[in-house]
Protein backbone atom coordinates (compact mmCIF):
# COMPACT_ATOMS: atom_id res chain seq x y z
CA MET A 1 -1.09 37.69 6.34
CA ASN A 2 2.03 37.21 8.44
CA TRP A 3 1.38 33.49 9.02
CA LYS A 4 4.19 31.66 10.78
CA THR A 5 4.70 28.46 8.79
CA GLU A 6 7.78 27.13 10.56
CA ARG A 7 8.96 26.94 14.17
CA CYS A 8 12.56 26.01 15.02
CA TRP A 9 14.53 25.33 18.20
CA ILE A 10 17.90 23.96 19.28
CA THR A 11 17.97 20.52 20.89
CA ASN A 12 20.80 19.59 23.28
CA ARG A 13 21.12 15.81 23.02
CA GLY A 14 23.93 15.00 25.45
CA ASP A 15 26.05 11.83 25.13
CA ASP A 16 28.81 13.85 23.40
CA LEU A 17 26.45 14.61 20.50
CA SER A 18 26.40 18.12 19.10
CA PRO A 19 23.25 20.26 19.45
CA VAL A 20 20.95 20.17 16.43
CA GLU A 21 18.31 22.47 15.06
CA SER A 22 14.82 20.99 14.85
CA CYS A 23 11.99 22.57 12.86
CA GLU A 24 8.33 21.81 12.32
CA GLY A 25 5.51 23.38 10.33
CA ILE A 26 4.41 23.35 6.70
CA GLY A 27 7.12 25.89 5.87
CA ASN A 28 9.63 23.07 6.35
CA PRO A 29 9.89 21.01 3.11
CA HIS A 30 9.76 17.68 4.98
CA TYR A 31 6.71 18.67 7.01
CA PHE A 32 5.02 20.11 3.91
CA TYR A 33 5.47 16.75 2.18
CA THR A 34 4.32 14.56 5.07
CA ASP A 35 1.43 16.87 6.00
CA SER A 36 0.20 16.67 2.40
CA VAL A 37 0.38 12.87 2.51
CA PHE A 38 -1.46 12.72 5.83
CA ALA A 39 -4.13 15.11 4.53
CA LEU A 40 -4.72 12.86 1.51
CA ALA A 41 -4.68 9.70 3.64
CA GLY A 42 -7.19 11.36 5.96
CA THR A 43 -9.78 11.27 3.18
CA THR A 44 -9.73 7.45 3.17
CA ALA A 45 -12.11 7.15 6.12
CA GLY A 46 -14.52 9.60 4.49
CA TRP A 47 -14.56 7.70 1.21
CA LEU A 48 -15.03 4.41 3.07
CA PHE A 49 -18.04 5.93 4.85
CA ILE A 50 -19.51 7.03 1.50
CA LEU A 51 -18.90 3.60 -0.06
CA GLY A 52 -20.37 1.84 2.96
CA ALA A 53 -23.46 4.03 2.74
CA LEU A 54 -23.79 3.44 -1.02
CA VAL A 55 -23.60 -0.36 -0.87
CA SER A 56 -25.94 -0.57 2.15
CA ASP A 57 -28.34 2.23 1.19
CA THR A 58 -28.09 3.59 4.75
CA VAL A 59 -25.70 5.67 6.83
CA LEU A 60 -25.41 2.72 9.22
CA GLY A 61 -23.47 0.90 6.51
CA GLY A 62 -21.09 3.81 6.37
CA ALA A 63 -20.77 3.67 10.16
CA ILE A 64 -19.85 -0.03 10.02
CA ALA A 65 -17.23 0.54 7.30
CA VAL A 66 -15.49 3.49 8.94
CA SER A 67 -15.65 1.89 12.42
CA ALA A 68 -14.11 -1.34 11.12
CA PHE A 69 -11.38 0.71 9.44
CA ALA A 70 -10.58 2.48 12.71
CA PHE A 71 -10.62 -0.76 14.73
CA ASN A 72 -8.20 -2.40 12.25
CA HIS A 73 -6.13 0.66 11.40
CA GLY A 74 -2.81 -1.08 12.04
CA GLU A 75 -3.67 -3.74 9.43
CA ALA A 76 -5.25 -1.31 6.94
CA THR A 77 -2.53 1.28 6.32
CA ARG A 78 1.16 2.06 6.85
CA VAL A 79 0.93 5.78 6.28
CA GLN A 80 1.68 6.46 9.96
CA TRP A 81 5.04 4.67 9.59
CA THR A 82 6.11 5.34 6.01
CA PRO A 83 4.33 8.36 4.49
CA PRO A 84 6.36 8.44 1.23
CA LEU A 85 5.10 5.05 0.02
CA ARG A 86 3.15 5.14 -3.24
CA GLU A 87 0.20 3.38 -1.61
CA SER A 88 -0.19 6.39 0.70
CA PHE A 89 -1.02 8.45 -2.40
CA ALA A 90 -2.72 5.75 -4.45
CA PHE A 91 -5.19 4.06 -2.12
CA PRO A 92 -7.23 7.16 -1.13
CA MET A 93 -7.57 7.91 -4.85
CA ILE A 94 -8.58 4.30 -5.62
CA ILE A 95 -11.34 4.41 -3.00
CA ALA A 96 -12.46 7.82 -4.32
CA GLN A 97 -12.49 6.43 -7.87
CA ILE A 98 -14.66 3.46 -6.86
CA ALA A 99 -17.13 5.74 -5.07
CA THR A 100 -17.24 8.04 -8.10
CA LEU A 101 -17.75 5.08 -10.44
CA ILE A 102 -20.71 3.83 -8.42
CA ASN A 103 -22.31 7.27 -8.56
CA LEU A 104 -21.46 7.75 -12.24
CA ASP A 105 -22.87 4.45 -13.50
CA PRO A 106 -26.57 5.41 -13.13
CA LEU A 107 -25.87 8.63 -15.03
CA LEU A 108 -24.26 6.72 -17.90
CA GLY A 109 -27.33 4.46 -17.96
CA ARG A 110 -29.46 7.43 -19.01
CA ILE A 111 -27.59 7.74 -22.30
CA THR A 112 -29.87 6.13 -24.90
CA LEU A 113 -27.69 6.64 -27.99
CA ARG A 114 -25.57 3.48 -28.15
CA PRO A 115 -22.62 4.92 -30.18
CA LEU A 116 -22.27 7.74 -27.65
CA TYR A 117 -22.39 5.29 -24.73
CA VAL A 118 -19.79 3.01 -26.33
CA ALA A 119 -17.57 6.00 -27.14
CA LEU A 120 -17.71 7.37 -23.58
CA THR A 121 -17.01 4.03 -21.90
CA SER A 122 -14.18 3.29 -24.35
CA LEU A 123 -12.61 6.68 -23.73
CA CYS A 124 -12.81 6.13 -19.96
CA PHE A 125 -11.10 2.76 -20.35
CA VAL A 126 -8.38 3.91 -22.76
CA PHE A 127 -7.48 7.15 -21.00
CA GLY A 128 -8.27 6.00 -17.47
CA THR A 129 -6.14 2.84 -17.56
CA LEU A 130 -3.92 2.36 -20.59
CA GLY A 131 -3.36 6.07 -21.19
CA ILE A 132 -2.32 6.85 -17.64
CA LYS A 133 -0.15 3.72 -17.41
CA LEU A 134 1.69 4.42 -20.65
CA GLY A 135 1.93 8.15 -19.95
CA VAL A 136 3.39 7.73 -16.48
CA SER A 137 5.75 4.98 -17.68
CA LYS A 138 6.99 7.25 -20.46
CA LEU A 139 7.35 10.23 -18.13
CA LEU A 140 9.27 8.27 -15.49
CA GLN A 141 11.08 6.13 -18.10
CA VAL A 142 9.91 2.86 -16.55
CA GLU A 143 10.91 0.22 -19.06
CA ASP A 144 10.36 -3.13 -17.45
CA ASP A 145 7.79 -4.57 -15.01
CA ALA A 146 8.61 -8.21 -15.73
CA HIS A 147 10.24 -8.68 -12.32
CA ILE A 148 6.76 -8.62 -10.74
CA PHE A 149 5.79 -11.80 -12.59
CA ASP A 150 9.15 -13.30 -11.65
CA ILE A 151 8.32 -12.69 -7.97
CA LEU A 152 4.99 -14.54 -8.33
CA ARG A 153 6.72 -17.36 -10.21
CA SER A 154 9.34 -17.71 -7.47
CA LYS A 155 6.63 -18.19 -4.84
CA PHE A 156 5.35 -21.43 -6.37
CA THR A 157 8.50 -22.85 -7.95
CA ASP A 158 12.21 -23.06 -7.22
CA TYR A 159 12.81 -20.31 -9.79
CA SER A 160 14.92 -17.44 -8.47
CA THR A 161 16.94 -14.50 -9.67
CA PHE A 162 18.91 -11.85 -7.84
CA HIS A 163 15.89 -9.56 -8.01
CA THR A 164 13.33 -12.09 -6.74
CA ARG A 165 15.55 -13.06 -3.80
CA LEU A 166 16.09 -9.41 -2.95
CA TYR A 167 12.32 -9.05 -2.68
CA THR A 168 11.39 -12.34 -1.05
CA CYS A 169 13.98 -12.07 1.71
CA SER A 170 11.77 -9.26 3.04
CA LYS A 171 8.89 -10.36 5.25
CA GLU A 172 6.48 -7.94 3.57
CA PHE A 173 6.66 -10.01 0.37
CA ASP A 174 5.93 -13.31 2.09
CA PHE A 175 2.49 -14.92 2.19
CA ILE A 176 -0.01 -13.31 4.54
CA SER A 177 0.72 -14.22 8.15
CA LEU A 178 -1.53 -16.14 10.53
CA GLU A 179 -1.12 -13.30 13.03
CA THR A 180 -2.76 -10.86 10.62
CA LEU A 181 -5.75 -13.14 10.09
CA GLN A 182 -6.10 -13.65 13.84
CA LYS A 183 -6.19 -9.88 14.40
CA LEU A 184 -8.88 -9.45 11.75
CA PHE A 185 -10.90 -12.27 13.29
CA ALA A 186 -10.57 -10.77 16.78
CA THR A 187 -12.24 -7.53 15.67
CA TRP A 188 -15.00 -9.44 13.88
CA LEU A 189 -13.96 -7.95 10.54
CA ILE A 190 -13.50 -11.24 8.69
CA PRO A 191 -16.68 -12.84 10.14
CA ALA A 192 -18.74 -9.70 9.42
CA SER A 193 -17.44 -9.27 5.87
CA ALA A 194 -17.82 -13.00 5.19
CA MET A 195 -21.45 -12.86 6.35
CA GLY A 196 -22.02 -9.78 4.19
CA ILE A 197 -20.55 -11.47 1.11
CA LEU A 198 -22.51 -14.67 1.84
CA LEU A 199 -25.72 -12.64 2.13
CA PHE A 200 -25.10 -11.07 -1.27
CA VAL A 201 -24.19 -14.41 -2.89
CA VAL A 202 -27.46 -15.92 -1.64
CA VAL A 203 -29.41 -12.92 -2.95
CA PHE A 204 -27.56 -13.07 -6.26
CA LEU A 205 -28.32 -16.76 -6.75
CA PHE A 206 -31.92 -16.25 -5.61
CA THR A 207 -32.64 -13.36 -7.98
CA GLU A 208 -30.35 -14.17 -10.91
CA ARG A 209 -30.47 -17.96 -11.08
CA LYS A 210 -32.33 -17.89 -14.40
CA GLU A 211 -29.97 -15.29 -15.83
CA LEU A 212 -27.03 -17.59 -15.09
CA MET A 213 -28.43 -20.11 -17.56
CA TYR A 214 -30.32 -18.01 -20.09
CA ARG A 215 -29.71 -14.58 -21.61
CA SER A 216 -32.33 -11.85 -21.52
CA GLY A 217 -32.68 -8.39 -23.00
CA GLU A 218 -32.49 -6.71 -19.59
CA LYS A 219 -29.60 -4.25 -19.42
CA GLY A 220 -29.66 -2.93 -15.86
CA LYS A 221 -28.92 -5.22 -12.94
CA PRO A 222 -29.82 -4.72 -9.27
CA TYR A 223 -26.99 -4.56 -6.72
CA ALA A 224 -24.39 -4.00 -9.45
CA GLU A 225 -22.33 -1.83 -7.08
CA ILE A 226 -22.28 -4.63 -4.49
CA PHE A 227 -21.29 -7.18 -7.11
CA TYR A 228 -18.41 -4.96 -8.23
CA ASN A 229 -17.09 -4.54 -4.68
CA VAL A 230 -17.30 -8.29 -4.01
CA VAL A 231 -15.22 -8.97 -7.13
CA GLN A 232 -12.76 -6.22 -6.13
CA THR A 233 -12.44 -7.76 -2.65
CA ALA A 234 -11.80 -11.20 -4.15
CA CYS A 235 -8.97 -9.76 -6.27
CA TYR A 236 -7.46 -8.00 -3.25
CA ALA A 237 -7.77 -11.23 -1.22
CA VAL A 238 -5.68 -13.15 -3.75
CA MET A 239 -3.10 -10.36 -3.82
CA ALA A 240 -2.89 -10.21 -0.01
CA LEU A 241 -2.58 -13.99 0.35
CA LEU A 242 0.37 -14.01 -2.06
CA ILE A 243 2.09 -10.83 -0.82
CA MET A 244 1.42 -9.78 2.76
CA ARG A 245 2.20 -6.13 2.02
CA LEU A 246 -0.93 -5.94 -0.14
CA LYS A 247 -3.19 -6.61 2.85
CA LEU A 248 -3.34 -2.81 3.04
CA PHE A 249 -5.68 -2.93 0.03
CA PHE A 250 -7.56 -6.02 1.22
CA THR A 251 -8.44 -4.91 4.76
CA PRO A 252 -10.26 -1.65 3.85
CA HIS A 253 -12.35 -3.52 1.30
CA LEU A 254 -13.34 -6.04 3.95
CA CYS A 255 -14.68 -3.02 5.85
CA ILE A 256 -16.85 -2.16 2.83
CA CYS A 257 -18.13 -5.74 2.57
CA SER A 258 -19.13 -5.73 6.25
CA ALA A 259 -21.46 -2.82 5.40
CA PHE A 260 -23.58 -5.21 3.29
CA LEU A 261 -25.11 -6.45 6.54
CA ALA A 262 -26.83 -3.07 6.97
CA ASN A 263 -28.62 -3.35 3.61
CA ASN A 264 -32.29 -4.07 4.35
CA LYS A 265 -33.10 -4.56 0.67
CA LEU A 266 -30.83 -7.60 0.49
CA LEU A 267 -32.83 -9.23 3.26
CA HIS A 268 -36.12 -8.38 1.54
CA ALA A 269 -34.83 -9.94 -1.70
CA ILE A 270 -34.74 -13.36 -0.02
CA ASN A 271 -38.02 -12.78 1.83
CA ILE A 272 -36.52 -12.00 5.22
CA ARG A 273 -38.57 -9.20 6.77
CA ILE A 274 -36.99 -7.32 9.65
CA ASP A 275 -38.25 -4.03 11.01
CA LYS A 276 -35.78 -1.25 10.16
CA ARG A 277 -35.47 -0.25 13.81
CA ILE A 278 -34.65 -3.81 14.87
CA HIS A 279 -32.19 -4.07 11.98
CA ALA A 280 -30.53 -0.85 13.13
CA VAL A 281 -30.19 -2.26 16.66
CA ILE A 282 -28.54 -5.42 15.23
CA VAL A 283 -26.09 -3.27 13.25
CA MET A 284 -25.23 -1.22 16.33
CA ALA A 285 -24.69 -4.46 18.26
CA LEU A 286 -22.27 -5.61 15.55
CA ILE A 287 -20.31 -2.36 15.83
CA ALA A 288 -20.22 -2.81 19.62
CA ALA A 289 -18.87 -6.36 19.19
CA MET A 290 -16.17 -5.03 16.85
CA ALA A 291 -15.31 -2.33 19.37
CA TYR A 292 -14.58 -4.87 22.13
CA GLU A 293 -11.18 -5.67 20.64
CA GLY A 294 -11.07 -2.70 18.29
CA LYS A 295 -10.92 -0.14 21.09
CA SER A 296 -7.73 -1.69 22.45
CA ASN A 297 -6.26 -1.61 18.92
CA ILE A 298 -7.01 2.11 18.69
CA ASP A 299 -5.42 2.67 22.11
CA LYS A 300 -2.28 0.82 20.97
CA GLN A 301 -2.06 2.97 17.85
CA LEU A 302 -2.44 6.18 19.85
CA SER A 303 0.09 5.09 22.49
CA MET A 304 2.91 4.60 19.98
CA LYS A 305 5.41 7.40 20.41
CA GLY A 306 9.09 7.65 19.61
CA GLU A 307 11.78 9.39 17.66
CA TYR A 308 14.33 8.35 15.08
CA ASN A 309 17.86 8.12 16.48
CA ASN A 310 20.87 6.79 14.60
CA PRO A 311 24.11 8.46 15.82
CA GLU A 312 26.35 6.18 13.74
CA GLN A 313 24.62 7.13 10.51
CA GLU A 314 24.66 10.79 11.55
CA LEU A 315 28.45 10.63 11.98
CA LEU A 316 28.70 9.10 8.51
CA PHE A 317 26.70 11.95 6.98
CA GLU A 318 28.75 14.58 8.81
CA TRP A 319 31.95 12.98 7.52
CA ILE A 320 30.57 12.95 3.97
CA MET A 321 29.64 16.63 4.08
CA LYS A 322 32.99 17.69 5.58
CA GLU A 323 35.45 15.39 3.82
CA THR A 324 34.06 14.80 0.32
CA LYS A 325 33.43 17.00 -2.69
CA PRO A 326 29.84 18.01 -3.54
CA ASP A 327 30.02 16.05 -6.81
CA ALA A 328 31.44 12.84 -5.27
CA VAL A 329 29.34 9.81 -6.26
CA PHE A 330 28.29 7.32 -3.56
CA ALA A 331 26.99 3.77 -3.72
CA GLY A 332 25.81 1.18 -1.20
CA THR A 333 22.63 -0.48 -0.01
CA MET A 334 19.46 1.13 -1.32
CA PRO A 335 18.02 2.37 2.02
CA VAL A 336 21.33 3.99 3.02
CA MET A 337 21.72 5.63 -0.40
CA ALA A 338 18.27 7.20 -0.12
CA ASN A 339 19.35 8.78 3.17
CA VAL A 340 22.70 9.89 1.75
CA LYS A 341 20.95 11.69 -1.10
CA LEU A 342 18.34 13.30 1.15
CA THR A 343 20.75 14.43 3.86
CA THR A 344 23.98 15.29 2.06
CA LEU A 345 22.68 15.97 -1.49
CA ARG A 346 25.58 13.92 -2.90
CA PRO A 347 25.01 12.07 -6.21
CA ILE A 348 24.23 8.36 -5.74
CA ALA A 349 24.63 5.41 -8.10
CA ASN A 350 21.58 3.46 -6.90
CA HIS A 351 18.40 4.11 -4.95
CA PRO A 352 15.18 2.29 -3.92
CA HIS A 353 13.21 3.05 -7.11
CA TYR A 354 13.62 -0.62 -8.00
CA GLU A 355 10.93 -0.71 -10.69
CA ASP A 356 13.31 0.93 -13.16
CA VAL A 357 15.24 -1.70 -15.10
CA ARG A 358 18.44 0.39 -15.09
CA ILE A 359 18.35 0.75 -11.31
CA ARG A 360 17.85 -3.01 -10.96
CA ASN A 361 20.87 -3.69 -13.15
CA ARG A 362 23.00 -1.13 -11.28
CA THR A 363 21.96 -2.55 -7.91
CA LYS A 364 22.87 -6.08 -8.96
CA LEU A 365 26.35 -4.89 -9.97
CA LEU A 366 26.86 -2.86 -6.79
CA TYR A 367 25.64 -5.60 -4.44
CA SER A 368 28.39 -7.82 -5.79
CA MET A 369 30.57 -5.86 -3.33
CA PHE A 370 29.13 -8.17 -0.67
CA SER A 371 30.10 -11.28 -2.62
CA LYS A 372 33.27 -13.35 -2.91
CA LYS A 373 34.27 -11.95 -6.29
CA PRO A 374 37.91 -10.87 -6.84
CA ILE A 375 38.74 -7.38 -5.60
CA ASN A 376 40.03 -6.24 -9.01
CA GLU A 377 36.70 -7.20 -10.63
CA LEU A 378 34.78 -5.27 -7.96
CA HIS A 379 37.04 -2.24 -8.46
CA GLU A 380 36.39 -2.34 -12.19
CA THR A 381 32.63 -2.41 -11.54
CA LEU A 382 32.83 0.70 -9.35
CA LYS A 383 34.94 2.51 -11.98
CA GLN A 384 32.47 1.55 -14.68
CA LEU A 385 29.60 3.09 -12.70
CA GLY A 386 31.57 6.21 -11.81
CA VAL A 387 31.48 5.54 -8.05
CA ASN A 388 33.92 7.46 -5.83
CA TYR A 389 32.83 6.07 -2.44
CA PHE A 390 31.10 2.84 -1.43
CA VAL A 391 29.36 2.66 1.96
CA PHE A 392 30.29 -0.81 3.19
CA GLN A 393 28.45 -2.13 6.25
CA LEU A 394 29.92 -5.18 7.97
CA MET A 395 26.53 -6.25 9.29
CA ASN A 396 25.47 -7.03 5.71
CA CYS A 397 28.11 -9.76 5.52
CA ALA A 398 27.36 -11.40 8.88
CA PRO A 399 26.30 -15.06 8.50
CA ASP A 400 22.69 -15.66 9.52
CA VAL A 401 20.59 -18.77 9.17
CA GLU A 402 17.36 -16.78 9.13
CA ARG A 403 15.53 -16.80 5.81
CA TYR A 404 15.14 -13.03 5.76
CA SER A 405 18.86 -12.29 6.14
CA ILE A 406 20.44 -14.11 3.22
CA ARG A 407 20.30 -11.53 0.46
CA PHE A 408 23.83 -10.19 0.43
CA ASP A 409 25.51 -13.46 -0.52
CA ILE A 410 23.35 -13.67 -3.64
CA PRO A 411 25.77 -12.24 -6.24
CA SER A 412 28.38 -14.91 -5.54
CA ARG A 413 25.93 -17.79 -5.99
CA GLY A 414 25.54 -17.55 -9.71
CA VAL A 415 21.83 -16.78 -9.87
CA ASN A 416 20.54 -14.68 -12.76
């Protein structure tokens, strides 16, 4: 069909920098990758609208959820900054899975043959959780996730290893910040979601107080989809409080919980009768209150423009491509090694896929280059790993009293 999938031009940069070719379009591998990620991330708002409508039994609930997501976009996703992150792929699918589960549950309830019901639910659990986890771990050869529990342990005790300190020196792995909570309060997201959860808790206690004490033969439960999302939000809240990075799961679910306020049936369950039109006006007023601060947040997001510029690193890559053999092996800090591999296609000894136990062990050995160990011992380590070149950055050895800048003296301190 003669579609043009890539457009290229030459950019003259000045400042004694050579002209470079720039390309855009899905025919470019980088654009194809990022466009695919953005397309998937773009479904998040749609799934949030569907979930909001399902838990509120009205499209106004969907409007609250998707509006809150837009007003708090900077606290709800990082896809605009770092498209390759796994969460950019995972979270849209998680939201889609929850929406599908809510729609699927009533259909499963129609199955009257108990063995068939048990078999179907068991298969969903085994293949949908354990099967995928074990299959992906086997495919990617992920052998050890124990470091995650070590990170949690290090947050509440003085326990530390090289790996936990490498994580916790990054701000994203600290506890959730007060600034984040203030932003979510300013857009009325936390108050609205808290009121929505409180409304459901009151309804739950009002309608299920006998069931909390005594068992009955009743199988189906009203508001099961709301109960599930409240529990899911509570889990995300704990995760976000412990690790700030995980607020990107917590914030969108707060948007879903705020949609509870549009559910007229919840009000009727506790004998509060409000005309649907008046209720709709109240919901629209809530969205307007959210928009007061939310509109400025959207404007800030849209006003962010810039370009990546790192001449020093560019000179390094040019030197590597001109002066080293194609099979020369490089090592260094994980972020730099990822760029070396992507730009020069040279083999690297370590990279940021830190979940793999072998990469963690390699990284610990290589980061000893920034320690006070004897030079002959460091040389032996590089030989053992088959490294030809090590990218050594002086800034990584600069003394700094800040908590988030102490990682590179770790190997000389004798921690595990």
